[in-house]
Amino acid sequence: MLLASLLFVPALVLGSLRRECAYWRDRWNWPLLLAGTLMLLGCFSALRVDLAWAGLANWLPFFWGFWGFQPYVAEAGARRRAALWMVAGTVPVVVTGLGQLWLGWQGPWQSLGGLVIWFVAPGGEPAGRLSGLFDYANIAAAWLALVWPLILAALVQPGLDHRRRSVVLILAVALVTALVLTESRNGWGALVLAVPLVLGPVSWPWLLPLLALGLIPVLLAVLPGVPELLQDPARALVPESVWSRLSDSRYAGKRALASTRLSQWGLALQLIAERPWLGWGAAAFSVLYPLRTGKWHGHSHNLPLELAVSSGVPAALALVGLVLALLIVSLRYNRMGLFDRAWWAAVLVLVVLHGTDIPFFDSRLNIAGWILMAGLRSRIRQTESAAVSPG
């Protein structure tokens, strides 16, 4: 994070200079100003004041980043280049991940005096699940899922010669393989979700029936209550490693209720009801959950709930509303090109991932997410400017 700060702060300063209007005059920044103010106020009444102030580092710098990143992704060509840089940056994730599972690589590997650390846990973290240079498989899966729409766009873009398309194809196959090996159900879902979004409506007449045909056996294999007459053949067709992971049957009877997401979400709702306006402060969930259940969990596995617990319902609504508005409004404006569709799909994938997990707490995903949202804002501005231009 320190190295990223050294690189990004100068870029953000330059990106904030000579702007057409001030930060506070852009209505898209108003939810961030509101949320930031509420977060600051909440620090004074937080359960753990020290953690609350430290937790602001996950938010306030990126509220500025949303503004400062926009000049760098203002045009469609700039967003395409940024997308391809994210694809290129995924090569170390894929290589270290496959290496740790297939070649026995292990770290941690450090450079620049510890400024850059690649974890590369032996055999993955958890064991048997690909995590690569990240410290946990679900974080690696979130990054790979984020990049999947972008690499898919790079693969199907017109104008590539045979050699370049072959290179992209190899990387795409490696990424999909790595994502499957993370055993992340969210990641697997992102593989399917992104394809029709990136290929666009022109592909839907043949693609959606094809996807439905492939998903029907999976659903029959994993859904509870399906008659054995249908479920047994489906489970014979779908690999056991897939349906047992999706149905969670491999852990049946092994997890205490307090270890489940339903328990975490239930307690989160209780905490929100107790302090709805300014919340309990950052990281309060990790303090309160073990006190009330006897089991430790670092977060609530749902970003809107985590926000409401930490900073209150108004701050959570402001931030969630901003993200949803960016997705909806940018979708309404004109037809999207291939890479803009992939960009939009990458943001949607991140939103979906944060419904059942919080990979956002990894700084690399946090930065990437705000760059992607800045790109959506820039596309909206670009379309609005074109609409009011004479001729």
Protein backbone atom coordinates (compact mmCIF):
# COMPACT_ATOMS: atom_id res chain seq x y z
CA MET A 1 0.00 0.00 0.00
CA LEU A 2 2.89 2.37 0.73
CA LEU A 3 4.37 1.85 -2.73
CA ALA A 4 0.96 2.37 -4.32
CA SER A 5 0.59 5.62 -2.39
CA LEU A 6 3.95 6.87 -3.65
CA LEU A 7 2.77 6.28 -7.21
CA PHE A 8 -0.86 7.29 -6.98
CA VAL A 9 -0.70 10.46 -4.88
CA PRO A 10 1.27 12.44 -7.51
CA ALA A 11 -1.04 11.09 -10.22
CA LEU A 12 -4.11 12.16 -8.24
CA VAL A 13 -2.66 15.62 -7.60
CA LEU A 14 -2.06 16.09 -11.32
CA GLY A 15 -5.49 14.67 -12.12
CA SER A 16 -7.12 17.16 -9.76
CA LEU A 17 -5.48 20.25 -11.26
CA ARG A 18 -7.01 22.47 -13.93
CA ARG A 19 -10.43 20.84 -13.73
CA GLU A 20 -13.46 22.54 -15.24
CA CYS A 21 -15.27 22.72 -11.90
CA ALA A 22 -14.37 22.21 -8.26
CA TYR A 23 -14.78 18.86 -6.54
CA TRP A 24 -17.81 19.97 -4.53
CA ARG A 25 -19.64 21.32 -7.59
CA ASP A 26 -19.87 17.94 -9.29
CA ARG A 27 -23.14 16.40 -8.11
CA TRP A 28 -21.66 12.92 -8.46
CA ASN A 29 -19.29 13.79 -5.61
CA TRP A 30 -22.05 14.89 -3.24
CA PRO A 31 -22.74 11.37 -1.92
CA LEU A 32 -19.02 11.04 -1.17
CA LEU A 33 -18.97 14.37 0.67
CA LEU A 34 -21.98 13.29 2.72
CA ALA A 35 -20.57 9.85 3.49
CA GLY A 36 -17.15 11.27 4.35
CA THR A 37 -18.65 13.81 6.75
CA LEU A 38 -20.73 11.14 8.49
CA MET A 39 -17.70 8.84 8.76
CA LEU A 40 -15.68 11.59 10.40
CA LEU A 41 -18.47 12.37 12.86
CA GLY A 42 -18.88 8.70 13.66
CA CYS A 43 -15.26 8.40 14.74
CA PHE A 44 -15.98 10.44 17.88
CA SER A 45 -18.58 7.96 19.15
CA ALA A 46 -17.02 4.75 17.80
CA LEU A 47 -16.67 1.58 19.83
CA ARG A 48 -12.92 1.65 19.15
CA VAL A 49 -11.86 5.18 18.32
CA ASP A 50 -8.38 4.11 17.19
CA LEU A 51 -9.76 1.58 14.70
CA ALA A 52 -12.38 4.04 13.48
CA TRP A 53 -9.81 6.70 12.58
CA ALA A 54 -7.53 4.10 10.98
CA GLY A 55 -10.47 2.74 9.00
CA LEU A 56 -10.95 6.07 7.25
CA ALA A 57 -7.91 5.14 5.14
CA ASN A 58 -10.11 2.61 3.34
CA TRP A 59 -12.47 5.36 2.22
CA LEU A 60 -11.47 9.03 2.30
CA PRO A 61 -8.40 8.81 0.01
CA PHE A 62 -10.50 6.94 -2.54
CA PHE A 63 -13.28 9.53 -2.42
CA TRP A 64 -10.59 11.84 -3.76
CA GLY A 65 -9.39 9.10 -6.09
CA PHE A 66 -12.82 8.87 -7.71
CA TRP A 67 -12.30 12.49 -8.77
CA GLY A 68 -8.58 12.39 -9.45
CA PHE A 69 -8.65 9.25 -11.60
CA GLN A 70 -11.24 10.64 -14.02
CA PRO A 71 -8.92 12.58 -16.37
CA TYR A 72 -6.95 9.38 -16.99
CA VAL A 73 -10.03 7.44 -18.13
CA ALA A 74 -11.95 10.30 -19.73
CA GLU A 75 -12.03 8.90 -23.27
CA ALA A 76 -12.97 5.48 -24.62
CA GLY A 77 -9.41 4.94 -25.85
CA ALA A 78 -8.00 5.74 -22.41
CA ARG A 79 -10.40 3.29 -20.77
CA ARG A 80 -9.36 0.62 -23.26
CA ARG A 81 -5.68 1.19 -22.43
CA ALA A 82 -6.41 1.07 -18.70
CA ALA A 83 -8.32 -2.18 -19.19
CA LEU A 84 -5.41 -3.72 -21.06
CA TRP A 85 -3.01 -2.63 -18.32
CA MET A 86 -5.20 -4.41 -15.78
CA VAL A 87 -5.07 -7.51 -17.98
CA ALA A 88 -1.28 -7.28 -18.15
CA GLY A 89 -1.11 -6.83 -14.38
CA THR A 90 -2.98 -10.10 -13.94
CA VAL A 91 -0.18 -12.20 -15.42
CA PRO A 92 1.71 -12.41 -12.07
CA VAL A 93 -1.52 -13.44 -10.31
CA VAL A 94 -2.11 -16.28 -12.75
CA VAL A 95 1.52 -17.42 -12.87
CA THR A 96 2.04 -17.45 -9.09
CA GLY A 97 -1.32 -19.13 -8.56
CA LEU A 98 -0.72 -21.95 -11.00
CA GLY A 99 2.86 -22.25 -9.76
CA GLN A 100 1.83 -22.66 -6.12
CA LEU A 101 -0.61 -25.48 -6.95
CA TRP A 102 1.18 -27.28 -9.77
CA LEU A 103 4.87 -26.57 -9.15
CA GLY A 104 5.00 -26.28 -5.37
CA TRP A 105 6.06 -22.64 -5.30
CA GLN A 106 5.89 -20.92 -1.93
CA GLY A 107 6.68 -17.52 -0.50
CA PRO A 108 6.40 -14.95 0.78
CA TRP A 109 8.46 -13.20 -1.88
CA GLN A 110 9.52 -9.63 -1.11
CA SER A 111 11.20 -6.86 -3.04
CA LEU A 112 12.09 -3.19 -2.53
CA GLY A 113 12.76 -3.76 1.14
CA GLY A 114 9.34 -5.27 1.79
CA LEU A 115 7.32 -2.64 -0.08
CA VAL A 116 6.12 -5.37 -2.45
CA ILE A 117 5.06 -8.68 -0.89
CA TRP A 118 3.70 -11.69 -2.78
CA PHE A 119 2.34 -14.20 -0.29
CA VAL A 120 2.30 -17.37 -2.48
CA ALA A 121 1.19 -19.66 0.34
CA PRO A 122 2.35 -23.27 -0.16
CA GLY A 123 -0.53 -25.23 -1.64
CA GLY A 124 -2.79 -22.16 -1.62
CA GLU A 125 -4.72 -20.40 1.14
CA PRO A 126 -6.90 -22.14 2.21
CA ALA A 127 -5.02 -25.32 1.37
CA GLY A 128 -5.83 -26.64 -2.08
CA ARG A 129 -7.38 -23.39 -3.33
CA LEU A 130 -5.42 -21.06 -5.61
CA SER A 131 -4.54 -17.76 -3.96
CA GLY A 132 -1.40 -16.75 -5.88
CA LEU A 133 0.28 -13.58 -4.71
CA PHE A 134 -2.79 -12.66 -2.62
CA ASP A 135 -3.22 -13.79 0.97
CA TYR A 136 -6.52 -15.62 0.42
CA ALA A 137 -8.25 -17.48 -2.41
CA ASN A 138 -11.40 -15.33 -2.39
CA ILE A 139 -9.31 -12.18 -2.88
CA ALA A 140 -7.48 -13.75 -5.82
CA ALA A 141 -10.84 -14.84 -7.24
CA ALA A 142 -12.21 -11.31 -6.93
CA TRP A 143 -9.28 -9.88 -8.88
CA LEU A 144 -9.52 -12.55 -11.58
CA ALA A 145 -13.30 -12.09 -11.80
CA LEU A 146 -12.83 -8.33 -12.15
CA VAL A 147 -10.36 -8.77 -15.01
CA TRP A 148 -12.30 -11.53 -16.79
CA PRO A 149 -14.66 -9.15 -18.68
CA LEU A 150 -11.67 -7.05 -19.73
CA ILE A 151 -9.64 -9.95 -21.08
CA LEU A 152 -12.74 -11.30 -22.82
CA ALA A 153 -13.09 -7.96 -24.62
CA ALA A 154 -9.40 -8.07 -25.53
CA LEU A 155 -9.90 -11.56 -26.96
CA VAL A 156 -12.89 -10.80 -29.19
CA GLN A 157 -11.89 -7.28 -30.29
CA PRO A 158 -11.67 -6.92 -34.06
CA GLY A 159 -8.41 -6.16 -35.82
CA LEU A 160 -6.03 -8.41 -33.86
CA ASP A 161 -3.60 -10.43 -35.93
CA HIS A 162 -3.35 -14.18 -35.41
CA ARG A 163 -0.25 -13.98 -33.22
CA ARG A 164 -1.65 -11.41 -30.81
CA ARG A 165 -5.01 -13.13 -30.57
CA SER A 166 -3.24 -16.39 -29.77
CA VAL A 167 -1.36 -14.71 -26.91
CA VAL A 168 -4.58 -13.25 -25.49
CA LEU A 169 -6.32 -16.62 -25.86
CA ILE A 170 -3.58 -18.37 -23.88
CA LEU A 171 -3.82 -15.76 -21.13
CA ALA A 172 -7.63 -15.99 -21.09
CA VAL A 173 -7.53 -19.78 -20.76
CA ALA A 174 -4.95 -19.48 -17.98
CA LEU A 175 -7.08 -16.89 -16.18
CA VAL A 176 -10.21 -19.05 -16.38
CA THR A 177 -8.22 -22.05 -15.14
CA ALA A 178 -6.86 -20.03 -12.22
CA LEU A 179 -10.31 -18.68 -11.38
CA VAL A 180 -11.80 -22.18 -11.35
CA LEU A 181 -8.97 -23.36 -9.08
CA THR A 182 -9.75 -20.66 -6.51
CA GLU A 183 -12.95 -22.64 -5.81
CA SER A 184 -14.73 -19.34 -5.27
CA ARG A 185 -18.44 -19.65 -5.98
CA ASN A 186 -18.61 -15.91 -6.59
CA GLY A 187 -15.76 -16.22 -9.06
CA TRP A 188 -17.44 -19.06 -10.91
CA GLY A 189 -20.63 -17.04 -11.16
CA ALA A 190 -18.69 -14.08 -12.56
CA LEU A 191 -17.38 -16.28 -15.38
CA VAL A 192 -20.95 -16.81 -16.56
CA LEU A 193 -22.32 -13.35 -15.77
CA ALA A 194 -19.71 -11.44 -17.76
CA VAL A 195 -20.00 -13.30 -21.06
CA PRO A 196 -23.40 -12.00 -22.28
CA LEU A 197 -22.65 -8.53 -20.91
CA VAL A 198 -19.39 -8.22 -22.83
CA LEU A 199 -20.55 -9.83 -26.07
CA GLY A 200 -23.61 -7.61 -26.04
CA PRO A 201 -27.27 -7.90 -27.08
CA VAL A 202 -26.41 -9.00 -30.60
CA SER A 203 -25.19 -12.32 -29.16
CA TRP A 204 -28.12 -12.96 -26.83
CA PRO A 205 -30.43 -14.85 -29.25
CA TRP A 206 -27.92 -17.72 -29.45
CA LEU A 207 -25.80 -17.19 -26.32
CA LEU A 208 -28.50 -17.04 -23.62
CA PRO A 209 -30.15 -20.35 -24.65
CA LEU A 210 -26.68 -21.93 -24.76
CA LEU A 211 -25.84 -20.67 -21.27
CA ALA A 212 -29.22 -21.83 -19.97
CA LEU A 213 -28.63 -25.27 -21.45
CA GLY A 214 -25.29 -25.49 -19.67
CA LEU A 215 -26.62 -24.18 -16.35
CA ILE A 216 -29.68 -26.43 -16.09
CA PRO A 217 -27.67 -29.56 -15.11
CA VAL A 218 -25.69 -27.50 -12.58
CA LEU A 219 -28.85 -26.12 -10.98
CA LEU A 220 -30.43 -29.57 -10.85
CA ALA A 221 -27.27 -30.90 -9.18
CA VAL A 222 -27.04 -28.26 -6.46
CA LEU A 223 -30.55 -27.03 -5.61
CA PRO A 224 -32.20 -28.62 -2.58
CA GLY A 225 -35.54 -30.34 -3.08
CA VAL A 226 -34.83 -31.56 -6.61
CA PRO A 227 -36.16 -35.13 -7.06
CA GLU A 228 -33.46 -37.80 -7.06
CA LEU A 229 -34.69 -38.93 -10.47
CA LEU A 230 -33.40 -35.62 -11.85
CA GLN A 231 -30.61 -34.82 -9.39
CA ASP A 232 -28.67 -38.09 -9.62
CA PRO A 233 -28.14 -37.91 -13.42
CA ALA A 234 -27.25 -34.22 -13.10
CA ARG A 235 -24.65 -34.99 -10.43
CA ALA A 236 -23.25 -37.74 -12.63
CA LEU A 237 -22.84 -35.18 -15.43
CA VAL A 238 -21.50 -32.24 -13.39
CA PRO A 239 -18.09 -32.83 -11.72
CA GLU A 240 -18.45 -33.55 -8.01
CA SER A 241 -15.89 -30.87 -7.18
CA VAL A 242 -18.26 -28.33 -8.74
CA TRP A 243 -21.67 -29.36 -7.39
CA SER A 244 -20.37 -30.19 -3.91
CA ARG A 245 -18.74 -26.76 -3.68
CA LEU A 246 -21.76 -24.90 -5.02
CA SER A 247 -24.18 -26.76 -2.74
CA ASP A 248 -21.75 -26.54 0.21
CA SER A 249 -22.42 -30.24 0.83
CA ARG A 250 -18.75 -30.94 1.54
CA TYR A 251 -19.11 -28.90 4.72
CA ALA A 252 -22.58 -30.14 5.68
CA GLY A 253 -22.82 -30.54 9.44
CA LYS A 254 -19.28 -29.26 9.99
CA ARG A 255 -19.94 -25.55 10.41
CA ALA A 256 -21.39 -24.01 13.53
CA LEU A 257 -24.25 -21.61 12.92
CA ALA A 258 -22.08 -18.73 14.13
CA SER A 259 -19.65 -19.44 11.27
CA THR A 260 -22.25 -18.99 8.54
CA ARG A 261 -22.99 -15.86 6.55
CA LEU A 262 -26.63 -15.94 7.64
CA SER A 263 -25.51 -15.62 11.25
CA GLN A 264 -23.13 -12.79 10.35
CA TRP A 265 -25.82 -10.91 8.43
CA GLY A 266 -28.32 -11.41 11.24
CA LEU A 267 -26.01 -9.92 13.84
CA ALA A 268 -25.08 -7.11 11.46
CA LEU A 269 -28.75 -6.16 11.20
CA GLN A 270 -29.04 -6.19 14.99
CA LEU A 271 -26.02 -3.90 15.31
CA ILE A 272 -27.42 -1.55 12.68
CA ALA A 273 -30.72 -1.35 14.57
CA GLU A 274 -28.85 -0.43 17.75
CA ARG A 275 -26.83 2.38 16.12
CA PRO A 276 -28.44 3.30 12.80
CA TRP A 277 -27.20 6.86 12.28
CA LEU A 278 -23.41 6.95 12.72
CA GLY A 279 -22.67 3.28 13.29
CA TRP A 280 -20.16 1.62 15.58
CA GLY A 281 -16.96 2.67 13.81
CA ALA A 282 -14.64 0.84 11.43
CA ALA A 283 -13.75 -2.76 12.32
CA ALA A 284 -16.41 -2.81 15.06
CA PHE A 285 -17.94 -5.97 13.60
CA SER A 286 -14.72 -7.91 14.19
CA VAL A 287 -14.78 -6.79 17.83
CA LEU A 288 -18.48 -7.35 18.54
CA TYR A 289 -19.08 -10.60 16.65
CA PRO A 290 -16.86 -12.79 18.86
CA LEU A 291 -18.23 -11.12 21.99
CA ARG A 292 -21.79 -12.04 21.03
CA THR A 293 -21.30 -15.40 19.29
CA GLY A 294 -17.98 -16.81 20.48
CA LYS A 295 -16.68 -17.03 16.89
CA TRP A 296 -14.30 -14.56 15.25
CA HIS A 297 -14.98 -13.02 11.85
CA GLY A 298 -13.20 -10.00 10.46
CA HIS A 299 -16.22 -8.62 8.60
CA SER A 300 -19.87 -9.28 7.81
CA HIS A 301 -19.38 -10.67 4.27
CA ASN A 302 -21.65 -7.99 2.79
CA LEU A 303 -20.36 -4.51 2.00
CA PRO A 304 -23.62 -2.54 2.42
CA LEU A 305 -24.18 -4.19 5.81
CA GLU A 306 -20.55 -3.61 6.79
CA LEU A 307 -20.86 0.05 5.84
CA ALA A 308 -24.06 0.46 7.82
CA VAL A 309 -22.53 -1.24 10.88
CA SER A 310 -19.39 0.88 10.70
CA SER A 311 -20.68 4.26 9.52
CA GLY A 312 -24.47 4.17 9.78
CA VAL A 313 -27.35 3.73 7.38
CA PRO A 314 -27.19 7.21 5.76
CA ALA A 315 -23.52 6.80 4.79
CA ALA A 316 -24.19 3.30 3.47
CA LEU A 317 -27.15 4.50 1.40
CA ALA A 318 -25.09 7.37 -0.03
CA LEU A 319 -22.29 5.10 -1.23
CA VAL A 320 -24.47 2.23 -2.42
CA GLY A 321 -26.74 4.72 -4.17
CA LEU A 322 -23.76 6.31 -5.94
CA VAL A 323 -22.53 2.99 -7.31
CA LEU A 324 -25.99 1.90 -8.46
CA ALA A 325 -26.62 5.29 -10.06
CA LEU A 326 -23.33 5.07 -11.97
CA LEU A 327 -24.29 1.65 -13.31
CA ILE A 328 -27.83 2.66 -14.26
CA VAL A 329 -27.11 6.07 -15.76
CA SER A 330 -24.06 4.94 -17.74
CA LEU A 331 -26.11 2.06 -19.15
CA ARG A 332 -28.83 4.44 -20.33
CA TYR A 333 -26.48 6.66 -22.34
CA ASN A 334 -26.06 5.59 -25.97
CA ARG A 335 -24.72 2.32 -27.22
CA MET A 336 -21.54 1.10 -25.56
CA GLY A 337 -18.49 -0.04 -27.46
CA LEU A 338 -16.90 -3.39 -26.68
CA PHE A 339 -14.46 -2.18 -24.01
CA ASP A 340 -17.03 0.12 -22.40
CA ARG A 341 -19.35 -2.89 -22.08
CA ALA A 342 -16.50 -4.84 -20.49
CA TRP A 343 -15.75 -1.90 -18.18
CA TRP A 344 -19.39 -1.73 -17.09
CA ALA A 345 -19.47 -5.51 -16.61
CA ALA A 346 -16.34 -5.37 -14.43
CA VAL A 347 -18.05 -2.86 -12.12
CA LEU A 348 -21.17 -5.02 -11.95
CA VAL A 349 -19.06 -8.08 -11.13
CA LEU A 350 -17.46 -6.17 -8.25
CA VAL A 351 -20.87 -5.11 -6.98
CA VAL A 352 -22.16 -8.68 -7.05
CA LEU A 353 -19.03 -10.01 -5.33
CA HIS A 354 -19.55 -7.60 -2.45
CA GLY A 355 -22.98 -9.03 -1.76
CA THR A 356 -21.46 -12.09 -0.08
CA ASP A 357 -17.85 -11.05 0.59
CA ILE A 358 -15.71 -7.93 1.03
CA PRO A 359 -12.57 -8.20 -1.16
CA PHE A 360 -12.59 -4.39 -1.17
CA PHE A 361 -10.40 -4.46 1.96
CA ASP A 362 -7.47 -5.49 -0.26
CA SER A 363 -5.92 -2.21 -1.40
CA ARG A 364 -5.31 -3.45 -4.96
CA LEU A 365 -8.97 -4.27 -5.47
CA ASN A 366 -9.97 -1.05 -3.76
CA ILE A 367 -7.86 1.02 -6.15
CA ALA A 368 -9.06 -0.92 -9.20
CA GLY A 369 -12.68 -0.52 -8.15
CA TRP A 370 -12.45 3.26 -7.82
CA ILE A 371 -10.65 3.52 -11.17
CA LEU A 372 -13.49 1.57 -12.77
CA MET A 373 -16.13 3.77 -11.15
CA ALA A 374 -14.21 6.88 -12.23
CA GLY A 375 -14.38 5.49 -15.75
CA LEU A 376 -18.17 5.19 -15.56
CA ARG A 377 -18.42 8.79 -14.35
CA SER A 378 -16.14 9.92 -17.17
CA ARG A 379 -18.27 8.12 -19.74
CA ILE A 380 -21.39 9.84 -18.41
CA ARG A 381 -19.65 13.23 -18.64
CA GLN A 382 -18.39 12.43 -22.14
CA THR A 383 -21.90 11.53 -23.30
CA GLU A 384 -23.45 14.59 -21.65
CA SER A 385 -20.87 16.86 -23.31
CA ALA A 386 -21.54 15.31 -26.71
CA ALA A 387 -25.29 15.82 -26.23
CA VAL A 388 -24.96 19.58 -25.62
CA SER A 389 -22.26 20.24 -28.25
CA PRO A 390 -23.49 22.24 -31.26
CA GLY A 391 -24.08 20.25 -34.42
